[in-house]
Amino acid sequence: MLRQTENLGLYLPAFFFIKVNTNDSLIEIEQCSKHTKSTYFHEYVHFLEDLFTLFGLRNINYMVNVIYAINKESLKLDEIIYPLTITDNEILTQKELFTFYFGTYILSYDPLLITGYSITPNNSVPGFEYVECVEIETISIGIGRDSFYFGAFSILESISHIIERSIFGFSSTLNFPYNIVDLILDSLFPDLNLTPELRLALCEESLNSGHPGRTFFTILERIKADKLNFKSPAEFHSYCQLQFFLQDENKVKFSIPFALESETKKSQSNLKTYFKDEKIIRINSWIDFIFNKIKLIRKQKFHFYKLYNDKDYFVGIMNELGTPLVANNDNYYFQNPKIDQSDCDISIFLAIRELMMISLGEQHHCELKQRCQSVNAELVSEFCDTAPHENRKRPLKCDLAALMYLWGLK
């Protein structure tokens, strides 16, 4: 979950949901207050990060794998008892590795100064010691010296914050996570003099890798050692795509554009395997629309720096893609240039996330209770707060119960 620390809004990566904590109607975003628009744009950038970065796409595929592992374990049981124990070693390894890739996402203090960084092998995932930990050393009021792990979370939030600040002028008073990239660059790499647009390019290239936190420092160390100066973010992107390659487990190298294209196709295909019966859940047309649009926009040389201080370009991208599922304090809505809300069950992604969270024991209630109450009060039962999976046995089924039934979890 990518949540603004001030609790202004959130985005659920891989589940395509934006929540803005406002009473403003989000149907006509231009009619909203400036603060609401600012938060909405911030969260929409996270939606774009899901679709246009390698980390976002791989996270989608990782989440699909987790859901299928849950489904597989559930079908083994005569009676479903949650939380489940996942026995798939590959999934368990992926989960551990993603903690290093994602980095710290909850911090009990706000860093005032960044004094250094260290990169060390991890000692917790056997066989994957080469996946390094990136630790940021900090000083803060009341805490003194401390540290946290740097990864995709801080990078994703920095991209959204830099773009939001350029368009709306709002800047978070919190350094973590929104200003961490700026703090690192200003404290540890001041001689590079990277402009905001170059910082966005650096963040994007870091996310287009297997290990965003490590790649971030690999790029910085290289350009510092070679004393490179870039005239434009386009030049920066070209440099990175010529100098850096990815490789698979067999050490076969491949380019970043190839990886993006391959992972986009994989995500599109994997998401559609959730919903093999379009008569029950209508969502595959939206998946195809979004991913086909991504391919076209990417061919037009989309990069995040192009959103910097350019609201018109940003709105143009929004108009092309439409929205994921969006909610304010009262209602949910969805807009798409080709697909009507009545023909698209996009809220099913929230049900999938609820199933995942409940199955893994990360929550014991269903956060969709209020939504069900607003749609049809008869969907709500005493199980919603303590054992939501039991609703699958009721004749009238909410999204979560219908999903479980569809997947054979009866």
Protein backbone atom coordinates (compact mmCIF):
# COMPACT_ATOMS: atom_id res chain seq x y z
CA MET A 1 0.00 0.00 0.00
CA LEU A 2 1.32 3.44 -0.93
CA ARG A 3 -0.30 5.79 1.55
CA GLN A 4 0.44 9.50 1.98
CA THR A 5 1.77 9.77 5.53
CA GLU A 6 -0.47 12.75 6.20
CA ASN A 7 -3.36 10.34 5.40
CA LEU A 8 -4.52 12.42 2.44
CA GLY A 9 -4.83 9.43 0.13
CA LEU A 10 -3.51 6.05 -0.89
CA TYR A 11 -2.91 3.80 -3.88
CA LEU A 12 -2.94 0.00 -3.78
CA PRO A 13 -0.19 -1.21 -6.14
CA ALA A 14 -1.19 -4.14 -8.39
CA PHE A 15 -4.84 -3.77 -7.32
CA PHE A 16 -5.56 -0.54 -9.21
CA PHE A 17 -7.32 1.51 -6.53
CA ILE A 18 -6.98 5.18 -5.56
CA LYS A 19 -8.52 6.55 -2.37
CA VAL A 20 -8.59 10.29 -1.67
CA ASN A 21 -9.74 11.32 1.80
CA THR A 22 -12.10 14.10 0.78
CA ASN A 23 -15.80 14.84 0.53
CA ASP A 24 -15.20 16.49 -2.87
CA SER A 25 -16.76 14.62 -5.78
CA LEU A 26 -13.96 13.13 -7.88
CA ILE A 27 -16.07 12.68 -11.00
CA GLU A 28 -15.04 16.14 -12.26
CA ILE A 29 -11.55 16.48 -10.81
CA GLU A 30 -11.08 20.03 -12.09
CA GLN A 31 -14.01 21.13 -9.89
CA CYS A 32 -12.26 19.87 -6.75
CA SER A 33 -10.21 21.94 -4.33
CA LYS A 34 -6.54 22.42 -5.10
CA HIS A 35 -5.53 20.11 -2.24
CA THR A 36 -7.83 17.35 -3.48
CA LYS A 37 -6.49 17.68 -7.03
CA SER A 38 -2.93 17.61 -5.72
CA THR A 39 -3.53 14.40 -3.77
CA TYR A 40 -5.36 12.80 -6.69
CA PHE A 41 -2.52 13.57 -9.11
CA HIS A 42 0.00 12.20 -6.57
CA GLU A 43 -1.87 8.90 -6.32
CA TYR A 44 -2.42 8.73 -10.09
CA VAL A 45 1.36 8.85 -10.56
CA HIS A 46 1.51 5.65 -8.50
CA PHE A 47 -0.98 4.09 -10.93
CA LEU A 48 1.38 5.05 -13.77
CA GLU A 49 4.35 3.60 -11.85
CA ASP A 50 2.50 0.28 -11.73
CA LEU A 51 2.21 0.26 -15.50
CA PHE A 52 5.34 1.99 -16.84
CA THR A 53 8.13 0.64 -14.61
CA LEU A 54 9.67 -2.79 -14.44
CA PHE A 55 9.28 -2.85 -10.67
CA GLY A 56 5.56 -2.06 -10.92
CA LEU A 57 4.98 -4.76 -13.55
CA ARG A 58 6.98 -7.36 -11.64
CA ASN A 59 5.08 -6.51 -8.50
CA ILE A 60 1.82 -7.20 -10.37
CA ASN A 61 3.14 -10.60 -11.43
CA TYR A 62 4.40 -11.32 -7.92
CA MET A 63 0.95 -10.54 -6.49
CA VAL A 64 -0.68 -12.84 -9.06
CA ASN A 65 1.68 -15.63 -7.94
CA VAL A 66 0.81 -15.03 -4.28
CA ILE A 67 -2.93 -15.20 -5.02
CA TYR A 68 -2.50 -18.45 -6.93
CA ALA A 69 -0.48 -19.92 -4.08
CA ILE A 70 -3.35 -19.01 -1.72
CA ASN A 71 -5.87 -20.57 -4.10
CA LYS A 72 -3.76 -23.74 -4.37
CA GLU A 73 -3.45 -24.10 -0.58
CA SER A 74 -7.18 -23.43 -0.07
CA LEU A 75 -8.24 -26.13 -2.51
CA LYS A 76 -6.25 -28.71 -0.52
CA LEU A 77 -8.48 -28.20 2.53
CA ASP A 78 -11.78 -29.88 3.28
CA GLU A 79 -12.71 -26.85 5.37
CA ILE A 80 -11.03 -23.48 4.83
CA ILE A 81 -9.38 -22.11 7.97
CA TYR A 82 -7.62 -18.78 7.77
CA PRO A 83 -4.87 -17.73 7.99
CA LEU A 84 -3.35 -20.22 5.57
CA THR A 85 0.20 -21.50 5.61
CA ILE A 86 1.88 -21.04 2.23
CA THR A 87 4.15 -24.00 1.44
CA ASP A 88 5.39 -22.92 -2.01
CA ASN A 89 9.11 -22.30 -1.43
CA GLU A 90 9.46 -20.16 -4.54
CA ILE A 91 6.72 -17.81 -3.34
CA LEU A 92 8.24 -17.66 0.14
CA THR A 93 11.63 -16.77 -1.34
CA GLN A 94 10.08 -14.10 -3.57
CA LYS A 95 8.35 -12.61 -0.54
CA GLU A 96 11.63 -12.34 1.38
CA LEU A 97 13.45 -10.83 -1.60
CA PHE A 98 10.72 -8.26 -2.16
CA THR A 99 11.33 -6.90 1.34
CA PHE A 100 14.84 -5.90 0.19
CA TYR A 101 13.63 -4.56 -3.14
CA PHE A 102 10.84 -2.52 -1.51
CA GLY A 103 12.86 -1.22 1.44
CA THR A 104 11.58 0.24 4.69
CA TYR A 105 8.03 1.55 4.38
CA ILE A 106 7.16 2.30 8.02
CA LEU A 107 9.53 4.49 10.03
CA SER A 108 8.94 5.59 13.62
CA TYR A 109 10.87 8.83 13.14
CA ASP A 110 11.44 11.41 10.42
CA PRO A 111 15.08 11.75 9.31
CA LEU A 112 16.52 15.25 9.63
CA LEU A 113 19.91 14.53 8.04
CA ILE A 114 21.38 11.77 5.91
CA THR A 115 25.01 11.10 6.76
CA GLY A 116 25.92 8.11 4.61
CA TYR A 117 24.95 4.77 3.13
CA SER A 118 26.24 1.21 3.15
CA ILE A 119 25.65 -1.72 0.82
CA THR A 120 26.04 -5.22 2.24
CA PRO A 121 25.00 -8.79 1.34
CA ASN A 122 21.81 -10.00 2.98
CA ASN A 123 22.17 -12.86 5.45
CA SER A 124 18.57 -14.05 5.51
CA VAL A 125 17.80 -15.57 2.09
CA PRO A 126 20.02 -18.63 1.46
CA GLY A 127 21.32 -18.75 -2.09
CA PHE A 128 20.50 -15.10 -2.69
CA GLU A 129 23.24 -13.41 -0.70
CA TYR A 130 24.07 -11.38 -3.81
CA VAL A 131 20.83 -9.44 -3.28
CA GLU A 132 22.27 -6.60 -1.27
CA CYS A 133 20.83 -4.45 1.51
CA VAL A 134 21.01 -0.69 0.97
CA GLU A 135 21.11 1.02 4.36
CA ILE A 136 20.75 4.78 4.77
CA GLU A 137 22.39 6.33 7.84
CA THR A 138 20.40 9.15 9.44
CA ILE A 139 20.25 11.67 12.25
CA SER A 140 16.91 12.82 13.63
CA ILE A 141 15.60 14.89 16.52
CA GLY A 142 14.95 12.80 19.62
CA ILE A 143 16.43 9.64 18.08
CA GLY A 144 19.94 10.66 17.15
CA ARG A 145 21.72 8.24 14.82
CA ASP A 146 19.70 5.51 13.16
CA SER A 147 19.20 3.90 9.76
CA PHE A 148 16.61 2.44 7.39
CA TYR A 149 16.62 0.30 4.24
CA PHE A 150 16.32 2.20 0.98
CA GLY A 151 14.35 0.71 -1.88
CA ALA A 152 11.44 1.06 -4.26
CA PHE A 153 9.09 2.58 -1.66
CA SER A 154 11.12 5.76 -1.17
CA ILE A 155 11.76 6.01 -4.91
CA LEU A 156 8.09 5.60 -5.87
CA GLU A 157 7.01 8.22 -3.34
CA SER A 158 9.77 10.62 -4.40
CA ILE A 159 8.62 10.49 -8.03
CA SER A 160 5.02 11.27 -7.05
CA HIS A 161 6.07 14.04 -4.68
CA ILE A 162 8.44 15.77 -7.11
CA ILE A 163 5.75 15.82 -9.82
CA GLU A 164 2.98 16.88 -7.43
CA ARG A 165 5.15 19.70 -6.04
CA SER A 166 6.02 20.97 -9.52
CA ILE A 167 2.37 21.21 -10.61
CA PHE A 168 0.61 22.30 -7.42
CA GLY A 169 3.35 23.83 -5.28
CA PHE A 170 2.64 21.68 -2.23
CA SER A 171 5.60 20.16 -0.42
CA SER A 172 5.39 17.60 2.37
CA THR A 173 6.85 18.62 5.72
CA LEU A 174 7.92 14.99 6.17
CA ASN A 175 11.25 13.86 4.77
CA PHE A 176 10.31 10.18 4.86
CA PRO A 177 9.45 8.97 2.34
CA TYR A 178 8.66 11.93 0.06
CA ASN A 179 11.92 13.88 0.22
CA ILE A 180 14.36 11.01 0.76
CA VAL A 181 15.72 11.04 -2.80
CA ASP A 182 16.29 14.80 -2.56
CA LEU A 183 17.98 14.40 0.82
CA ILE A 184 20.29 11.67 -0.47
CA LEU A 185 21.30 13.66 -3.54
CA ASP A 186 21.73 16.96 -1.71
CA SER A 187 23.65 15.40 1.20
CA LEU A 188 25.76 12.70 -0.46
CA PHE A 189 26.03 13.70 -4.13
CA PRO A 190 25.83 17.53 -4.16
CA ASP A 191 28.46 17.90 -6.89
CA LEU A 192 26.23 16.16 -9.43
CA ASN A 193 23.77 19.08 -9.39
CA LEU A 194 20.89 16.96 -10.67
CA THR A 195 17.82 19.00 -11.65
CA PRO A 196 14.34 17.76 -10.64
CA GLU A 197 13.85 16.34 -14.15
CA LEU A 198 17.14 14.42 -13.91
CA ARG A 199 16.15 13.16 -10.47
CA LEU A 200 12.94 11.80 -11.97
CA ALA A 201 14.96 10.11 -14.72
CA LEU A 202 17.29 8.58 -12.10
CA CYS A 203 14.33 7.27 -10.12
CA GLU A 204 12.65 5.82 -13.20
CA GLU A 205 15.80 4.03 -14.34
CA SER A 206 16.25 2.66 -10.81
CA LEU A 207 12.74 1.22 -10.89
CA ASN A 208 13.51 -0.38 -14.26
CA SER A 209 15.76 -2.93 -12.61
CA GLY A 210 15.64 -5.99 -10.43
CA HIS A 211 16.75 -4.11 -7.31
CA PRO A 212 15.74 -0.41 -7.41
CA GLY A 213 17.61 0.71 -4.27
CA ARG A 214 20.89 -0.86 -5.34
CA THR A 215 20.54 0.35 -8.93
CA PHE A 216 19.92 3.91 -7.69
CA PHE A 217 23.38 3.98 -6.08
CA THR A 218 25.05 2.02 -8.89
CA ILE A 219 24.02 4.74 -11.35
CA LEU A 220 25.09 7.55 -9.03
CA GLU A 221 28.46 5.96 -8.31
CA ARG A 222 29.12 5.47 -12.02
CA ILE A 223 28.27 9.00 -13.12
CA LYS A 224 30.21 10.45 -10.18
CA ALA A 225 33.30 8.35 -10.98
CA ASP A 226 33.13 9.26 -14.68
CA LYS A 227 32.38 12.94 -13.89
CA LEU A 228 29.42 12.97 -16.25
CA ASN A 229 27.09 15.91 -16.82
CA PHE A 230 23.79 15.49 -18.57
CA LYS A 231 22.16 18.26 -20.57
CA SER A 232 18.70 16.70 -20.46
CA PRO A 233 16.78 13.80 -18.88
CA ALA A 234 16.42 12.27 -22.36
CA GLU A 235 20.22 12.10 -22.53
CA PHE A 236 20.27 10.52 -19.07
CA HIS A 237 17.78 7.82 -20.11
CA SER A 238 19.78 7.06 -23.27
CA TYR A 239 22.99 6.74 -21.24
CA CYS A 240 21.42 4.31 -18.76
CA GLN A 241 19.86 2.14 -21.43
CA LEU A 242 23.21 1.87 -23.22
CA GLN A 243 25.32 1.28 -20.11
CA PHE A 244 23.14 -0.96 -17.98
CA PHE A 245 21.63 -4.35 -18.74
CA LEU A 246 19.55 -6.90 -16.88
CA GLN A 247 20.33 -10.59 -16.72
CA ASP A 248 18.38 -13.72 -15.90
CA GLU A 249 19.34 -16.62 -13.63
CA ASN A 250 21.46 -18.05 -16.47
CA LYS A 251 23.36 -14.74 -16.71
CA VAL A 252 21.89 -14.03 -20.15
CA LYS A 253 21.85 -10.25 -20.64
CA PHE A 254 18.92 -8.34 -22.07
CA SER A 255 18.04 -4.67 -22.46
CA ILE A 256 15.70 -2.61 -20.29
CA PRO A 257 13.27 -1.90 -23.21
CA PHE A 258 13.08 -5.64 -23.92
CA ALA A 259 12.41 -6.37 -20.25
CA LEU A 260 9.64 -3.74 -20.10
CA GLU A 261 7.96 -5.13 -23.21
CA SER A 262 8.23 -8.70 -21.97
CA GLU A 263 6.96 -7.92 -18.45
CA THR A 264 4.05 -5.87 -19.84
CA LYS A 265 2.85 -8.84 -21.91
CA LYS A 266 3.31 -11.15 -18.94
CA SER A 267 1.32 -8.88 -16.60
CA GLN A 268 -1.50 -8.53 -19.11
CA SER A 269 -1.71 -12.29 -19.57
CA ASN A 270 -1.38 -13.14 -15.87
CA LEU A 271 -4.08 -10.69 -14.76
CA LYS A 272 -6.52 -12.15 -17.27
CA THR A 273 -6.04 -15.67 -15.89
CA TYR A 274 -7.81 -14.45 -12.74
CA PHE A 275 -11.03 -14.17 -14.75
CA LYS A 276 -11.56 -17.03 -17.16
CA ASP A 277 -15.35 -16.73 -17.09
CA GLU A 278 -16.30 -13.32 -18.46
CA LYS A 279 -19.98 -14.09 -17.87
CA ILE A 280 -19.37 -13.85 -14.13
CA ILE A 281 -16.74 -11.12 -13.86
CA ARG A 282 -16.30 -8.61 -16.70
CA ILE A 283 -12.82 -7.14 -16.45
CA ASN A 284 -10.64 -8.57 -19.23
CA SER A 285 -11.67 -5.86 -21.70
CA TRP A 286 -10.34 -3.22 -19.26
CA ILE A 287 -7.09 -5.15 -18.75
CA ASP A 288 -6.58 -5.37 -22.52
CA PHE A 289 -7.46 -1.70 -23.01
CA ILE A 290 -5.02 -0.49 -20.33
CA PHE A 291 -2.07 -2.65 -21.34
CA ASN A 292 -2.49 -2.04 -25.06
CA LYS A 293 -2.58 1.70 -24.32
CA ILE A 294 0.59 1.42 -22.26
CA LYS A 295 2.41 -0.16 -25.19
CA LEU A 296 1.32 2.69 -27.48
CA ILE A 297 2.19 5.44 -25.00
CA ARG A 298 5.58 3.87 -24.32
CA LYS A 299 6.30 3.92 -28.06
CA GLN A 300 5.68 7.68 -27.88
CA LYS A 301 8.69 7.90 -25.52
CA PHE A 302 6.78 8.35 -22.29
CA HIS A 303 8.95 9.17 -19.28
CA PHE A 304 8.03 10.52 -15.86
CA TYR A 305 10.09 13.69 -16.27
CA LYS A 306 7.62 14.76 -18.97
CA LEU A 307 4.96 15.09 -16.26
CA TYR A 308 7.15 17.58 -14.37
CA ASN A 309 5.50 21.01 -14.27
CA ASP A 310 3.29 20.07 -17.22
CA LYS A 311 -0.29 19.60 -16.09
CA ASP A 312 -1.63 19.58 -19.65
CA TYR A 313 0.56 16.61 -20.61
CA PHE A 314 -0.42 14.86 -17.38
CA VAL A 315 -4.15 15.38 -18.05
CA GLY A 316 -3.63 14.12 -21.61
CA ILE A 317 -2.24 10.83 -20.26
CA MET A 318 -5.18 10.61 -17.83
CA ASN A 319 -7.64 11.11 -20.66
CA GLU A 320 -6.00 8.36 -22.71
CA LEU A 321 -5.91 5.79 -19.92
CA GLY A 322 -8.96 6.73 -17.89
CA THR A 323 -8.94 5.89 -14.20
CA PRO A 324 -8.51 2.83 -12.04
CA LEU A 325 -11.19 2.43 -9.39
CA VAL A 326 -11.30 5.70 -7.41
CA ALA A 327 -13.02 6.56 -4.12
CA ASN A 328 -13.61 9.59 -1.92
CA ASN A 329 -15.09 9.38 1.58
CA ASP A 330 -18.54 8.48 0.24
CA ASN A 331 -18.51 6.97 -3.24
CA TYR A 332 -16.59 4.89 -5.76
CA TYR A 333 -16.27 5.73 -9.42
CA PHE A 334 -14.49 4.70 -12.60
CA GLN A 335 -13.98 6.44 -15.92
CA ASN A 336 -12.70 5.06 -19.20
CA PRO A 337 -12.77 6.54 -22.71
CA LYS A 338 -14.02 3.24 -24.21
CA ILE A 339 -15.56 1.13 -21.41
CA ASP A 340 -18.65 2.06 -19.41
CA GLN A 341 -18.66 1.44 -15.67
CA SER A 342 -21.76 -0.76 -16.02
CA ASP A 343 -19.76 -3.09 -18.29
CA CYS A 344 -16.70 -3.39 -16.06
CA ASP A 345 -16.38 -5.11 -12.66
CA ILE A 346 -13.18 -3.24 -11.77
CA SER A 347 -13.94 -3.38 -8.04
CA ILE A 348 -13.11 -7.10 -8.15
CA PHE A 349 -9.43 -6.19 -7.70
CA LEU A 350 -10.29 -4.93 -4.20
CA ALA A 351 -11.96 -8.26 -3.44
CA ILE A 352 -8.83 -10.08 -4.58
CA ARG A 353 -6.71 -7.98 -2.25
CA GLU A 354 -9.09 -8.62 0.66
CA LEU A 355 -8.85 -12.36 -0.01
CA MET A 356 -5.06 -12.12 0.03
CA MET A 357 -4.89 -10.08 3.24
CA ILE A 358 -7.36 -12.33 5.09
CA SER A 359 -5.75 -15.55 3.84
CA LEU A 360 -2.29 -14.46 4.99
CA GLY A 361 -3.60 -13.36 8.38
CA GLU A 362 -2.68 -9.72 7.81
CA GLN A 363 -6.25 -8.66 8.65
CA HIS A 364 -9.32 -10.38 10.10
CA HIS A 365 -12.07 -8.07 8.87
CA CYS A 366 -13.20 -7.03 5.40
CA GLU A 367 -12.49 -3.42 4.47
CA LEU A 368 -15.18 -3.59 1.77
CA LYS A 369 -17.99 -3.72 4.34
CA GLN A 370 -18.84 -0.02 3.94
CA ARG A 371 -18.88 -0.34 0.15
CA CYS A 372 -21.21 -3.37 0.35
CA GLN A 373 -23.44 -1.48 2.80
CA SER A 374 -23.83 1.33 0.29
CA VAL A 375 -24.59 -1.05 -2.58
CA ASN A 376 -26.94 -3.45 -0.79
CA ALA A 377 -27.20 -3.70 2.99
CA GLU A 378 -28.20 -7.37 2.70
CA LEU A 379 -24.66 -8.18 1.54
CA VAL A 380 -23.38 -7.33 5.03
CA SER A 381 -23.37 -9.91 7.84
CA GLU A 382 -21.85 -10.47 11.27
CA PHE A 383 -18.97 -12.30 9.54
CA CYS A 384 -17.66 -9.13 7.84
CA ASP A 385 -15.84 -8.03 10.99
CA THR A 386 -14.41 -11.34 12.16
CA ALA A 387 -14.45 -14.05 9.46
CA PRO A 388 -15.35 -12.56 6.05
CA HIS A 389 -14.59 -15.79 4.19
CA GLU A 390 -17.66 -17.37 5.87
CA ASN A 391 -19.86 -15.13 3.71
CA ARG A 392 -19.17 -17.50 0.81
CA LYS A 393 -21.77 -19.86 2.34
CA ARG A 394 -24.55 -17.25 2.18
CA PRO A 395 -26.95 -17.27 -0.80
CA LEU A 396 -26.47 -13.54 -1.47
CA LYS A 397 -22.79 -13.06 -2.25
CA CYS A 398 -20.64 -9.94 -2.00
CA ASP A 399 -17.63 -9.49 -4.32
CA LEU A 400 -15.33 -11.37 -1.94
CA ALA A 401 -17.74 -14.31 -1.51
CA ALA A 402 -18.46 -14.42 -5.27
CA LEU A 403 -14.73 -14.47 -6.00
CA MET A 404 -14.15 -17.37 -3.61
CA TYR A 405 -17.06 -19.27 -5.13
CA LEU A 406 -15.80 -18.62 -8.65
CA TRP A 407 -12.36 -19.99 -7.73
CA GLY A 408 -13.83 -23.16 -6.28
CA LEU A 409 -13.45 -22.13 -2.63
CA LYS A 410 -16.97 -23.18 -1.71
